[in-house]
Amino acid sequence: MRTLCFAIMAAAWPTTALRAVLGGSGSAIMHEPAIVDAVLSLAAKPAKECLLCYLGTATYDLAANREKQVSGFRSRGVAVEALDVARMPPTPGAVEALLARADIVLVSGGNTLFAVDRWRRFGLDEELRKAAARGCVLTGGSAGAICWFDAGHSDSADPESYAEAMLAGGSAAASTQGASGGDGDAKPWEYIRCGGLGVLPGLCCPHHDRTQSNGVLRADDFDAMMRRHNGETGVCIDHFAALVVDGANYSILSLEGKPGTALANRDAPDFTGAGAPWIWLKRVEGDAVVATRLEPRGRLADALTPATAIVE
């Protein structure tokens, strides 16, 4: 393991220009009118004048996955261009040209580990940071949220998210609300920590209130990961919530009528599904992982504090 100094890794965090809508899930929420509204509001121009760059590397550039993610934007008249790099190298100059023109970059959910590694191989990581720095709206959920943070709690070790399985027509099993109750059909894979682009500080946990096919509640496993990475702040986004960033400020988008972990009379996450979708910050204090309900809106720098150390 290597311990890295955060100040060296993310000295150029673009606080004033940054605009983003980052969700706890991808295809489950990206078509939702409230998510589309939030993204287009940040773009600050008519939808029919917006260009959205879709980056579907995490789902191997599959067309069906792309349409699930962009349908809400197409319906508003947004132009969509896909940047496909999962199965072939990009044409020289194509990455720079498209990202320079894009008003919005939408990153799909899927296999974060594969996507970020692929971007680094072809230099997309630097071009995506440039897009963020100039104020291009960043959006996506699950892997599409993790990738913008220092790192995230990922299901990239789920064999159903591997290229061979997905290109053969498979897909990862749907997650379920709350704890599984000891499902005997749980599959033998583990969540892993995946590094991101470092545009935002924090260790991101999407699907915070869900259990996936391994039978393990994301929130519980994330607590164990936090203890191994106690120099970082955990940013826990419920399945139907999103973090909205507008320059130096943030707000929480909670999809109405959807389940989540925030109850009005409770200061800790509730996993029964009776609450509203929300975002929680987690920090290690002594031997305990302490969850704090994020305020509905505030200053970004007060919420997302830089890590004291990052262990890779």
C-alpha atoms as a PDB file:
ATOM      1  CA  MET A   1       0.000   0.000   0.000  1.00  0.00           C
ATOM      2  CA  ARG A   2       1.063   3.593  -0.626  1.00  0.00           C
ATOM      3  CA  THR A   3       0.036   6.578   1.456  1.00  0.00           C
ATOM      4  CA  LEU A   4      -0.197   9.724  -0.634  1.00  0.00           C
ATOM      5  CA  CYS A   5      -0.483  13.342   0.445  1.00  0.00           C
ATOM      6  CA  PHE A   6      -3.806  14.824  -0.720  1.00  0.00           C
ATOM      7  CA  ALA A   7      -2.380  18.306  -1.191  1.00  0.00           C
ATOM      8  CA  ILE A   8      -0.072  17.000  -3.905  1.00  0.00           C
ATOM      9  CA  MET A   9      -2.768  14.970  -5.658  1.00  0.00           C
ATOM     10  CA  ALA A  10      -5.535  17.569  -5.907  1.00  0.00           C
ATOM     11  CA  ALA A  11      -3.991  21.014  -5.643  1.00  0.00           C
ATOM     12  CA  ALA A  12      -6.043  22.316  -8.593  1.00  0.00           C
ATOM     13  CA  TRP A  13      -9.567  21.513  -7.339  1.00  0.00           C
ATOM     14  CA  PRO A  14     -11.706  23.837  -9.526  1.00  0.00           C
ATOM     15  CA  THR A  15     -14.079  25.071  -6.813  1.00  0.00           C
ATOM     16  CA  THR A  16     -15.478  28.144  -8.569  1.00  0.00           C
ATOM     17  CA  ALA A  17     -16.046  26.590 -12.008  1.00  0.00           C
ATOM     18  CA  LEU A  18     -17.217  23.136 -11.018  1.00  0.00           C
ATOM     19  CA  ARG A  19     -20.778  22.163 -11.938  1.00  0.00           C
ATOM     20  CA  ALA A  20     -22.105  18.640 -11.446  1.00  0.00           C
ATOM     21  CA  VAL A  21     -25.103  16.393 -10.739  1.00  0.00           C
ATOM     22  CA  LEU A  22     -23.838  13.114  -9.298  1.00  0.00           C
ATOM     23  CA  GLY A  23     -26.322  10.388  -8.436  1.00  0.00           C
ATOM     24  CA  GLY A  24     -26.420   7.293  -6.281  1.00  0.00           C
ATOM     25  CA  SER A  25     -27.475   5.228  -9.286  1.00  0.00           C
ATOM     26  CA  GLY A  26     -27.117   5.467 -13.043  1.00  0.00           C
ATOM     27  CA  SER A  27     -29.826   4.113 -15.347  1.00  0.00           C
ATOM     28  CA  ALA A  28     -32.355   4.131 -12.469  1.00  0.00           C
ATOM     29  CA  ILE A  29     -32.324   7.920 -12.176  1.00  0.00           C
ATOM     30  CA  MET A  30     -30.602   9.623 -15.115  1.00  0.00           C
ATOM     31  CA  HIS A  31     -33.843   9.759 -17.110  1.00  0.00           C
ATOM     32  CA  GLU A  32     -35.793  11.269 -14.196  1.00  0.00           C
ATOM     33  CA  PRO A  33     -37.180  14.739 -15.039  1.00  0.00           C
ATOM     34  CA  ALA A  34     -35.772  16.225 -11.807  1.00  0.00           C
ATOM     35  CA  ILE A  35     -32.254  15.034 -12.694  1.00  0.00           C
ATOM     36  CA  VAL A  36     -32.519  16.312 -16.264  1.00  0.00           C
ATOM     37  CA  ASP A  37     -33.865  19.638 -14.985  1.00  0.00           C
ATOM     38  CA  ALA A  38     -30.945  19.997 -12.561  1.00  0.00           C
ATOM     39  CA  VAL A  39     -28.345  19.285 -15.259  1.00  0.00           C
ATOM     40  CA  LEU A  40     -29.902  21.654 -17.787  1.00  0.00           C
ATOM     41  CA  SER A  41     -30.216  24.385 -15.161  1.00  0.00           C
ATOM     42  CA  LEU A  42     -26.463  24.186 -14.567  1.00  0.00           C
ATOM     43  CA  ALA A  43     -25.786  24.227 -18.309  1.00  0.00           C
ATOM     44  CA  ALA A  44     -27.491  27.637 -18.350  1.00  0.00           C
ATOM     45  CA  LYS A  45     -28.526  27.574 -22.000  1.00  0.00           C
ATOM     46  CA  PRO A  46     -31.555  26.276 -23.914  1.00  0.00           C
ATOM     47  CA  ALA A  47     -31.675  22.478 -24.103  1.00  0.00           C
ATOM     48  CA  LYS A  48     -31.731  22.537 -27.906  1.00  0.00           C
ATOM     49  CA  GLU A  49     -28.412  24.392 -27.888  1.00  0.00           C
ATOM     50  CA  CYS A  50     -26.723  21.896 -25.540  1.00  0.00           C
ATOM     51  CA  LEU A  51     -24.323  19.160 -26.585  1.00  0.00           C
ATOM     52  CA  LEU A  52     -24.051  16.151 -24.305  1.00  0.00           C
ATOM     53  CA  CYS A  53     -20.984  13.913 -24.536  1.00  0.00           C
ATOM     54  CA  TYR A  54     -21.923  10.414 -23.418  1.00  0.00           C
ATOM     55  CA  LEU A  55     -19.052   8.348 -22.046  1.00  0.00           C
ATOM     56  CA  GLY A  56     -20.233   4.745 -21.741  1.00  0.00           C
ATOM     57  CA  THR A  57     -16.880   3.075 -21.109  1.00  0.00           C
ATOM     58  CA  ALA A  58     -18.091   1.482 -17.868  1.00  0.00           C
ATOM     59  CA  THR A  59     -20.780  -0.425 -19.805  1.00  0.00           C
ATOM     60  CA  TYR A  60     -18.471  -1.169 -22.755  1.00  0.00           C
ATOM     61  CA  ASP A  61     -20.170   1.394 -25.015  1.00  0.00           C
ATOM     62  CA  LEU A  62     -23.296  -0.745 -25.372  1.00  0.00           C
ATOM     63  CA  ALA A  63     -26.052   1.139 -27.199  1.00  0.00           C
ATOM     64  CA  ALA A  64     -28.909  -0.145 -25.021  1.00  0.00           C
ATOM     65  CA  ASN A  65     -27.248   1.172 -21.885  1.00  0.00           C
ATOM     66  CA  ARG A  66     -26.577   4.499 -23.584  1.00  0.00           C
ATOM     67  CA  GLU A  67     -30.226   5.010 -24.500  1.00  0.00           C
ATOM     68  CA  LYS A  68     -31.370   4.341 -20.921  1.00  0.00           C
ATOM     69  CA  GLN A  69     -29.049   7.074 -19.700  1.00  0.00           C
ATOM     70  CA  VAL A  70     -29.632   9.778 -22.317  1.00  0.00           C
ATOM     71  CA  SER A  71     -33.339   9.350 -23.158  1.00  0.00           C
ATOM     72  CA  GLY A  72     -34.454  12.124 -20.804  1.00  0.00           C
ATOM     73  CA  PHE A  73     -32.022  14.551 -22.412  1.00  0.00           C
ATOM     74  CA  ARG A  74     -32.893  13.580 -25.986  1.00  0.00           C
ATOM     75  CA  SER A  75     -36.577  14.185 -25.185  1.00  0.00           C
ATOM     76  CA  ARG A  76     -35.711  17.805 -24.340  1.00  0.00           C
ATOM     77  CA  GLY A  77     -33.865  18.314 -27.625  1.00  0.00           C
ATOM     78  CA  VAL A  78     -30.313  17.945 -26.299  1.00  0.00           C
ATOM     79  CA  ALA A  79     -27.835  16.756 -28.941  1.00  0.00           C
ATOM     80  CA  VAL A  80     -26.009  13.585 -27.862  1.00  0.00           C
ATOM     81  CA  GLU A  81     -22.642  12.399 -29.141  1.00  0.00           C
ATOM     82  CA  ALA A  82     -21.040   9.231 -27.796  1.00  0.00           C
ATOM     83  CA  LEU A  83     -17.331   9.002 -27.084  1.00  0.00           C
ATOM     84  CA  ASP A  84     -16.654   5.273 -27.495  1.00  0.00           C
ATOM     85  CA  VAL A  85     -13.280   4.092 -26.203  1.00  0.00           C
ATOM     86  CA  ALA A  86     -14.127   0.791 -24.471  1.00  0.00           C
ATOM     87  CA  ARG A  87     -13.405  -1.532 -27.377  1.00  0.00           C
ATOM     88  CA  MET A  88     -11.114   0.516 -29.622  1.00  0.00           C
ATOM     89  CA  PRO A  89      -8.687   3.415 -29.209  1.00  0.00           C
ATOM     90  CA  PRO A  90     -10.107   6.871 -29.954  1.00  0.00           C
ATOM     91  CA  THR A  91      -9.288   8.564 -33.224  1.00  0.00           C
ATOM     92  CA  PRO A  92      -6.405  11.030 -32.695  1.00  0.00           C
ATOM     93  CA  GLY A  93      -7.844  14.394 -31.692  1.00  0.00           C
ATOM     94  CA  ALA A  94     -11.400  13.102 -31.278  1.00  0.00           C
ATOM     95  CA  VAL A  95     -11.386  13.180 -27.479  1.00  0.00           C
ATOM     96  CA  GLU A  96     -10.065  16.724 -27.259  1.00  0.00           C
ATOM     97  CA  ALA A  97     -12.416  17.995 -29.967  1.00  0.00           C
ATOM     98  CA  LEU A  98     -15.605  16.556 -28.467  1.00  0.00           C
ATOM     99  CA  LEU A  99     -14.850  17.427 -24.849  1.00  0.00           C
ATOM    100  CA  ALA A 100     -13.938  20.985 -25.853  1.00  0.00           C
ATOM    101  CA  ARG A 101     -17.392  21.426 -27.444  1.00  0.00           C
ATOM    102  CA  ALA A 102     -19.486  19.568 -24.867  1.00  0.00           C
ATOM    103  CA  ASP A 103     -21.786  21.439 -22.487  1.00  0.00           C
ATOM    104  CA  ILE A 104     -22.479  18.248 -20.509  1.00  0.00           C
ATOM    105  CA  VAL A 105     -20.483  15.067 -19.924  1.00  0.00           C
ATOM    106  CA  LEU A 106     -22.594  12.112 -18.832  1.00  0.00           C
ATOM    107  CA  VAL A 107     -20.640   9.100 -17.543  1.00  0.00           C
ATOM    108  CA  SER A 108     -22.541   5.830 -17.399  1.00  0.00           C
ATOM    109  CA  GLY A 109     -22.817   3.494 -14.457  1.00  0.00           C
ATOM    110  CA  GLY A 110     -21.045   0.158 -14.735  1.00  0.00           C
ATOM    111  CA  ASN A 111     -17.536  -1.085 -14.103  1.00  0.00           C
ATOM    112  CA  THR A 112     -15.623   1.855 -12.617  1.00  0.00           C
ATOM    113  CA  LEU A 113     -12.305   0.041 -12.461  1.00  0.00           C
ATOM    114  CA  PHE A 114     -12.352  -0.769 -16.169  1.00  0.00           C
ATOM    115  CA  ALA A 115     -13.496   2.715 -17.178  1.00  0.00           C
ATOM    116  CA  VAL A 116     -10.947   4.746 -15.218  1.00  0.00           C
ATOM    117  CA  ASP A 117      -8.107   2.459 -16.279  1.00  0.00           C
ATOM    118  CA  ARG A 118      -9.159   2.796 -19.913  1.00  0.00           C
ATOM    119  CA  TRP A 119      -9.356   6.588 -19.685  1.00  0.00           C
ATOM    120  CA  ARG A 120      -5.885   6.800 -18.196  1.00  0.00           C
ATOM    121  CA  ARG A 121      -4.522   4.610 -20.970  1.00  0.00           C
ATOM    122  CA  PHE A 122      -5.754   7.016 -23.646  1.00  0.00           C
ATOM    123  CA  GLY A 123      -5.331  10.314 -21.788  1.00  0.00           C
ATOM    124  CA  LEU A 124      -9.044  10.925 -21.258  1.00  0.00           C
ATOM    125  CA  ASP A 125      -8.462  11.530 -17.548  1.00  0.00           C
ATOM    126  CA  GLU A 126      -6.626  14.773 -18.235  1.00  0.00           C
ATOM    127  CA  GLU A 127      -9.156  15.901 -20.836  1.00  0.00           C
ATOM    128  CA  LEU A 128     -12.033  15.223 -18.418  1.00  0.00           C
ATOM    129  CA  ARG A 129     -10.307  17.298 -15.743  1.00  0.00           C
ATOM    130  CA  LYS A 130      -9.946  20.119 -18.279  1.00  0.00           C
ATOM    131  CA  ALA A 131     -13.661  19.886 -19.086  1.00  0.00           C
ATOM    132  CA  ALA A 132     -14.476  20.091 -15.366  1.00  0.00           C
ATOM    133  CA  ALA A 133     -12.177  23.091 -14.900  1.00  0.00           C
ATOM    134  CA  ARG A 134     -13.835  25.086 -17.688  1.00  0.00           C
ATOM    135  CA  GLY A 135     -17.329  24.515 -16.236  1.00  0.00           C
ATOM    136  CA  CYS A 136     -18.675  21.705 -18.399  1.00  0.00           C
ATOM    137  CA  VAL A 137     -21.522  20.082 -16.432  1.00  0.00           C
ATOM    138  CA  LEU A 138     -20.466  16.681 -15.086  1.00  0.00           C
ATOM    139  CA  THR A 139     -23.171  14.130 -14.502  1.00  0.00           C
ATOM    140  CA  GLY A 140     -23.763  10.433 -14.001  1.00  0.00           C
ATOM    141  CA  GLY A 141     -24.593   7.985 -11.261  1.00  0.00           C
ATOM    142  CA  SER A 142     -22.946   5.000  -9.596  1.00  0.00           C
ATOM    143  CA  ALA A 143     -19.670   4.643 -11.553  1.00  0.00           C
ATOM    144  CA  GLY A 144     -20.625   7.965 -13.145  1.00  0.00           C
ATOM    145  CA  ALA A 145     -20.435   9.563  -9.700  1.00  0.00           C
ATOM    146  CA  ILE A 146     -17.487   7.633  -8.251  1.00  0.00           C
ATOM    147  CA  CYS A 147     -15.181   8.591 -11.107  1.00  0.00           C
ATOM    148  CA  TRP A 148     -15.173  12.313 -10.230  1.00  0.00           C
ATOM    149  CA  PHE A 149     -14.061  11.731  -6.616  1.00  0.00           C
ATOM    150  CA  ASP A 150     -10.677  10.674  -5.250  1.00  0.00           C
ATOM    151  CA  ALA A 151     -12.035   7.130  -5.106  1.00  0.00           C
ATOM    152  CA  GLY A 152     -15.157   5.110  -4.461  1.00  0.00           C
ATOM    153  CA  HIS A 153     -16.773   2.005  -3.061  1.00  0.00           C
ATOM    154  CA  SER A 154     -17.299  -0.104  -6.166  1.00  0.00           C
ATOM    155  CA  ASP A 155     -18.918  -3.322  -7.370  1.00  0.00           C
ATOM    156  CA  SER A 156     -16.338  -3.640 -10.164  1.00  0.00           C
ATOM    157  CA  ALA A 157     -15.389  -7.118  -8.874  1.00  0.00           C
ATOM    158  CA  ASP A 158     -18.880  -8.430  -9.680  1.00  0.00           C
ATOM    159  CA  PRO A 159     -18.311 -10.848 -12.602  1.00  0.00           C
ATOM    160  CA  GLU A 160     -21.650  -9.776 -14.076  1.00  0.00           C
ATOM    161  CA  SER A 161     -20.106  -6.351 -14.742  1.00  0.00           C
ATOM    162  CA  TYR A 162     -17.163  -7.782 -16.705  1.00  0.00           C
ATOM    163  CA  ALA A 163     -16.904  -7.223 -20.447  1.00  0.00           C
ATOM    164  CA  GLU A 164     -17.358 -10.890 -21.368  1.00  0.00           C
ATOM    165  CA  ALA A 165     -20.657 -11.107 -19.490  1.00  0.00           C
ATOM    166  CA  MET A 166     -22.094  -7.791 -20.641  1.00  0.00           C
ATOM    167  CA  LEU A 167     -21.059  -8.108 -24.277  1.00  0.00           C
ATOM    168  CA  ALA A 168     -22.776 -11.497 -24.290  1.00  0.00           C
ATOM    169  CA  GLY A 169     -26.020  -9.768 -23.357  1.00  0.00           C
ATOM    170  CA  GLY A 170     -25.897 -10.071 -19.581  1.00  0.00           C
ATOM    171  CA  SER A 171     -26.251  -7.369 -16.957  1.00  0.00           C
ATOM    172  CA  ALA A 172     -25.562  -6.985 -13.288  1.00  0.00           C
ATOM    173  CA  ALA A 173     -28.385  -8.167 -11.043  1.00  0.00           C
ATOM    174  CA  ALA A 174     -30.655  -5.426  -9.704  1.00  0.00           C
ATOM    175  CA  SER A 175     -29.942  -4.197  -6.194  1.00  0.00           C
ATOM    176  CA  THR A 176     -32.550  -4.315  -3.427  1.00  0.00           C
ATOM    177  CA  GLN A 177     -33.535  -1.758  -0.810  1.00  0.00           C
ATOM    178  CA  GLY A 178     -31.906  -2.162   2.606  1.00  0.00           C
ATOM    179  CA  ALA A 179     -30.297  -5.280   4.074  1.00  0.00           C
ATOM    180  CA  SER A 180     -30.943  -8.636   2.416  1.00  0.00           C
ATOM    181  CA  GLY A 181     -31.722 -10.612   5.550  1.00  0.00           C
ATOM    182  CA  GLY A 182     -29.158 -13.327   4.815  1.00  0.00           C
ATOM    183  CA  ASP A 183     -30.035 -14.304   1.263  1.00  0.00           C
ATOM    184  CA  GLY A 184     -28.853 -17.847   0.596  1.00  0.00           C
ATOM    185  CA  ASP A 185     -28.426 -17.024  -3.100  1.00  0.00           C
ATOM    186  CA  ALA A 186     -25.728 -14.418  -2.455  1.00  0.00           C
ATOM    187  CA  LYS A 187     -22.881 -14.521  -4.966  1.00  0.00           C
ATOM    188  CA  PRO A 188     -19.209 -14.761  -3.906  1.00  0.00           C
ATOM    189  CA  TRP A 189     -17.723 -11.386  -4.823  1.00  0.00           C
ATOM    190  CA  GLU A 190     -16.592  -8.388  -2.738  1.00  0.00           C
ATOM    191  CA  TYR A 191     -16.800  -4.624  -3.057  1.00  0.00           C
ATOM    192  CA  ILE A 192     -13.494  -2.897  -3.791  1.00  0.00           C
ATOM    193  CA  ARG A 193     -12.011   0.579  -3.595  1.00  0.00           C
ATOM    194  CA  CYS A 194     -11.529   2.150  -7.040  1.00  0.00           C
ATOM    195  CA  GLY A 195      -9.504   5.283  -7.654  1.00  0.00           C
ATOM    196  CA  GLY A 196     -11.155   8.170  -9.490  1.00  0.00           C
ATOM    197  CA  LEU A 197     -10.116  11.389 -11.209  1.00  0.00           C
ATOM    198  CA  GLY A 198      -9.786  13.499  -8.053  1.00  0.00           C
ATOM    199  CA  VAL A 199     -11.943  16.359  -9.311  1.00  0.00           C
ATOM    200  CA  LEU A 200     -13.760  16.239  -5.956  1.00  0.00           C
ATOM    201  CA  PRO A 201     -12.270  15.158  -2.629  1.00  0.00           C
ATOM    202  CA  GLY A 202     -13.812  12.178  -0.873  1.00  0.00           C
ATOM    203  CA  LEU A 203     -14.434   8.448  -0.935  1.00  0.00           C
ATOM    204  CA  CYS A 204     -17.798   8.064  -2.691  1.00  0.00           C
ATOM    205  CA  CYS A 205     -20.302   5.327  -1.829  1.00  0.00           C
ATOM    206  CA  PRO A 206     -23.181   5.223  -4.341  1.00  0.00           C
ATOM    207  CA  HIS A 207     -26.202   2.921  -3.784  1.00  0.00           C
ATOM    208  CA  HIS A 208     -25.590   3.616  -0.089  1.00  0.00           C
ATOM    209  CA  ASP A 209     -28.933   2.107   0.958  1.00  0.00           C
ATOM    210  CA  ARG A 210     -28.883  -0.938  -1.342  1.00  0.00           C
ATOM    211  CA  THR A 211     -27.773  -4.555  -1.266  1.00  0.00           C
ATOM    212  CA  GLN A 212     -26.385  -6.119  -4.428  1.00  0.00           C
ATOM    213  CA  SER A 213     -26.043  -9.709  -5.591  1.00  0.00           C
ATOM    214  CA  ASN A 214     -23.343 -10.522  -3.019  1.00  0.00           C
ATOM    215  CA  GLY A 215     -25.940 -10.066  -0.294  1.00  0.00           C
ATOM    216  CA  VAL A 216     -23.992  -7.314   1.496  1.00  0.00           C
ATOM    217  CA  LEU A 217     -25.499  -3.911   2.305  1.00  0.00           C
ATOM    218  CA  ARG A 218     -23.295  -1.247   0.726  1.00  0.00           C
ATOM    219  CA  ALA A 219     -23.407   0.938   3.841  1.00  0.00           C
ATOM    220  CA  ASP A 220     -22.131  -1.845   6.099  1.00  0.00           C
ATOM    221  CA  ASP A 221     -19.263  -2.773   3.812  1.00  0.00           C
ATOM    222  CA  PHE A 222     -18.414   0.886   3.330  1.00  0.00           C
ATOM    223  CA  ASP A 223     -17.952   1.306   7.078  1.00  0.00           C
ATOM    224  CA  ALA A 224     -15.301  -1.417   6.988  1.00  0.00           C
ATOM    225  CA  MET A 225     -13.639   0.308   4.015  1.00  0.00           C
ATOM    226  CA  MET A 226     -13.633   3.609   5.901  1.00  0.00           C
ATOM    227  CA  ARG A 227     -11.711   1.988   8.756  1.00  0.00           C
ATOM    228  CA  ARG A 228      -9.043   0.906   6.256  1.00  0.00           C
ATOM    229  CA  HIS A 229      -8.981   4.414   4.718  1.00  0.00           C
ATOM    230  CA  ASN A 230      -9.524   6.560   7.786  1.00  0.00           C
ATOM    231  CA  GLY A 231      -7.780   9.622   6.338  1.00  0.00           C
ATOM    232  CA  GLU A 232     -10.660  10.180   3.927  1.00  0.00           C
ATOM    233  CA  THR A 233     -14.204  11.504   4.217  1.00  0.00           C
ATOM    234  CA  GLY A 234     -16.949   9.187   3.008  1.00  0.00           C
ATOM    235  CA  VAL A 235     -19.637  10.667   0.751  1.00  0.00           C
ATOM    236  CA  CYS A 236     -22.610   8.289   0.872  1.00  0.00           C
ATOM    237  CA  ILE A 237     -25.283   8.861  -1.772  1.00  0.00           C
ATOM    238  CA  ASP A 238     -28.552   6.951  -1.549  1.00  0.00           C
ATOM    239  CA  HIS A 239     -29.772   5.177  -4.686  1.00  0.00           C
ATOM    240  CA  PHE A 240     -32.356   7.879  -5.467  1.00  0.00           C
ATOM    241  CA  ALA A 241     -30.388  10.952  -4.354  1.00  0.00           C
ATOM    242  CA  ALA A 242     -27.893  13.193  -6.114  1.00  0.00           C
ATOM    243  CA  LEU A 243     -25.290  15.767  -5.152  1.00  0.00           C
ATOM    244  CA  VAL A 244     -25.733  18.990  -7.122  1.00  0.00           C
ATOM    245  CA  VAL A 245     -22.624  21.199  -7.312  1.00  0.00           C
ATOM    246  CA  ASP A 246     -22.814  24.780  -8.557  1.00  0.00           C
ATOM    247  CA  GLY A 247     -19.441  26.432  -8.170  1.00  0.00           C
ATOM    248  CA  ALA A 248     -18.664  26.916  -4.492  1.00  0.00           C
ATOM    249  CA  ASN A 249     -22.083  25.690  -3.378  1.00  0.00           C
ATOM    250  CA  TYR A 250     -23.918  22.378  -3.249  1.00  0.00           C
ATOM    251  CA  SER A 251     -27.463  21.103  -2.735  1.00  0.00           C
ATOM    252  CA  ILE A 252     -29.073  17.699  -2.348  1.00  0.00           C
ATOM    253  CA  LEU A 253     -31.558  16.434  -4.911  1.00  0.00           C
ATOM    254  CA  SER A 254     -33.877  13.877  -3.301  1.00  0.00           C
ATOM    255  CA  LEU A 255     -36.261  12.201  -5.760  1.00  0.00           C
ATOM    256  CA  GLU A 256     -39.801  12.565  -4.483  1.00  0.00           C
ATOM    257  CA  GLY A 257     -41.684   9.362  -3.687  1.00  0.00           C
ATOM    258  CA  LYS A 258     -38.550   7.185  -3.693  1.00  0.00           C
ATOM    259  CA  PRO A 259     -37.159   5.268  -0.696  1.00  0.00           C
ATOM    260  CA  GLY A 260     -34.091   6.367   1.211  1.00  0.00           C
ATOM    261  CA  THR A 261     -32.395   6.556   4.575  1.00  0.00           C
ATOM    262  CA  ALA A 262     -33.335   9.985   5.985  1.00  0.00           C
ATOM    263  CA  LEU A 263     -36.105  10.118   8.594  1.00  0.00           C
ATOM    264  CA  ALA A 264     -37.183  13.443  10.053  1.00  0.00           C
ATOM    265  CA  ASN A 265     -36.764  12.301  13.664  1.00  0.00           C
ATOM    266  CA  ARG A 266     -33.580  10.273  13.306  1.00  0.00           C
ATOM    267  CA  ASP A 267     -29.947  11.433  13.097  1.00  0.00           C
ATOM    268  CA  ALA A 268     -28.577   8.147  11.697  1.00  0.00           C
ATOM    269  CA  PRO A 269     -29.365   6.398   8.401  1.00  0.00           C
ATOM    270  CA  ASP A 270     -32.425   4.132   8.438  1.00  0.00           C
ATOM    271  CA  PHE A 271     -32.366   1.200   6.030  1.00  0.00           C
ATOM    272  CA  THR A 272     -36.014   0.153   6.151  1.00  0.00           C
ATOM    273  CA  GLY A 273     -36.859   2.271   3.099  1.00  0.00           C
ATOM    274  CA  ALA A 274     -39.210   4.481   5.113  1.00  0.00           C
ATOM    275  CA  GLY A 275     -37.073   7.603   4.731  1.00  0.00           C
ATOM    276  CA  ALA A 276     -36.274  10.027   1.943  1.00  0.00           C
ATOM    277  CA  PRO A 277     -33.241   9.605  -0.359  1.00  0.00           C
ATOM    278  CA  TRP A 278     -30.330  11.529   1.118  1.00  0.00           C
ATOM    279  CA  ILE A 279     -26.560  12.008   1.365  1.00  0.00           C
ATOM    280  CA  TRP A 280     -24.484  11.232   4.453  1.00  0.00           C
ATOM    281  CA  LEU A 281     -20.900  12.051   5.330  1.00  0.00           C
ATOM    282  CA  LYS A 282     -18.861   9.444   7.177  1.00  0.00           C
ATOM    283  CA  ARG A 283     -15.659   9.914   9.137  1.00  0.00           C
ATOM    284  CA  VAL A 284     -13.650   7.630  11.384  1.00  0.00           C
ATOM    285  CA  GLU A 285     -13.478   8.873  14.970  1.00  0.00           C
ATOM    286  CA  GLY A 286     -11.438   6.579  17.176  1.00  0.00           C
ATOM    287  CA  ASP A 287     -12.752   3.070  16.475  1.00  0.00           C
ATOM    288  CA  ALA A 288     -16.137   4.273  15.263  1.00  0.00           C
ATOM    289  CA  VAL A 289     -17.455   5.289  11.847  1.00  0.00           C
ATOM    290  CA  VAL A 290     -19.690   8.304  12.435  1.00  0.00           C
ATOM    291  CA  ALA A 291     -22.420   9.180   9.913  1.00  0.00           C
ATOM    292  CA  THR A 292     -23.585  12.804   9.670  1.00  0.00           C
ATOM    293  CA  ARG A 293     -26.637  13.857   7.694  1.00  0.00           C
ATOM    294  CA  LEU A 294     -25.503  16.389   5.091  1.00  0.00           C
ATOM    295  CA  GLU A 295     -27.372  19.687   5.226  1.00  0.00           C
ATOM    296  CA  PRO A 296     -29.770  20.198   2.287  1.00  0.00           C
ATOM    297  CA  ARG A 297     -27.530  22.928   0.885  1.00  0.00           C
ATOM    298  CA  GLY A 298     -24.380  24.774   1.788  1.00  0.00           C
ATOM    299  CA  ARG A 299     -20.804  25.582   0.868  1.00  0.00           C
ATOM    300  CA  LEU A 300     -19.046  22.747  -0.946  1.00  0.00           C
ATOM    301  CA  ALA A 301     -15.771  23.268   0.905  1.00  0.00           C
ATOM    302  CA  ASP A 302     -17.557  22.828   4.240  1.00  0.00           C
ATOM    303  CA  ALA A 303     -18.998  19.482   3.160  1.00  0.00           C
ATOM    304  CA  LEU A 304     -16.223  17.851   1.141  1.00  0.00           C
ATOM    305  CA  THR A 305     -13.051  18.253   3.149  1.00  0.00           C
ATOM    306  CA  PRO A 306      -9.762  17.094   1.608  1.00  0.00           C
ATOM    307  CA  ALA A 307      -8.263  13.842   2.860  1.00  0.00           C
ATOM    308  CA  THR A 308      -5.415  13.922   5.332  1.00  0.00           C
ATOM    309  CA  ALA A 309      -3.978  10.837   3.629  1.00  0.00           C
ATOM    310  CA  ILE A 310      -4.992   8.499   0.810  1.00  0.00           C
ATOM    311  CA  VAL A 311      -3.955   4.860   1.017  1.00  0.00           C
ATOM    312  CA  GLU A 312      -3.813   3.007  -2.294  1.00  0.00           C
END
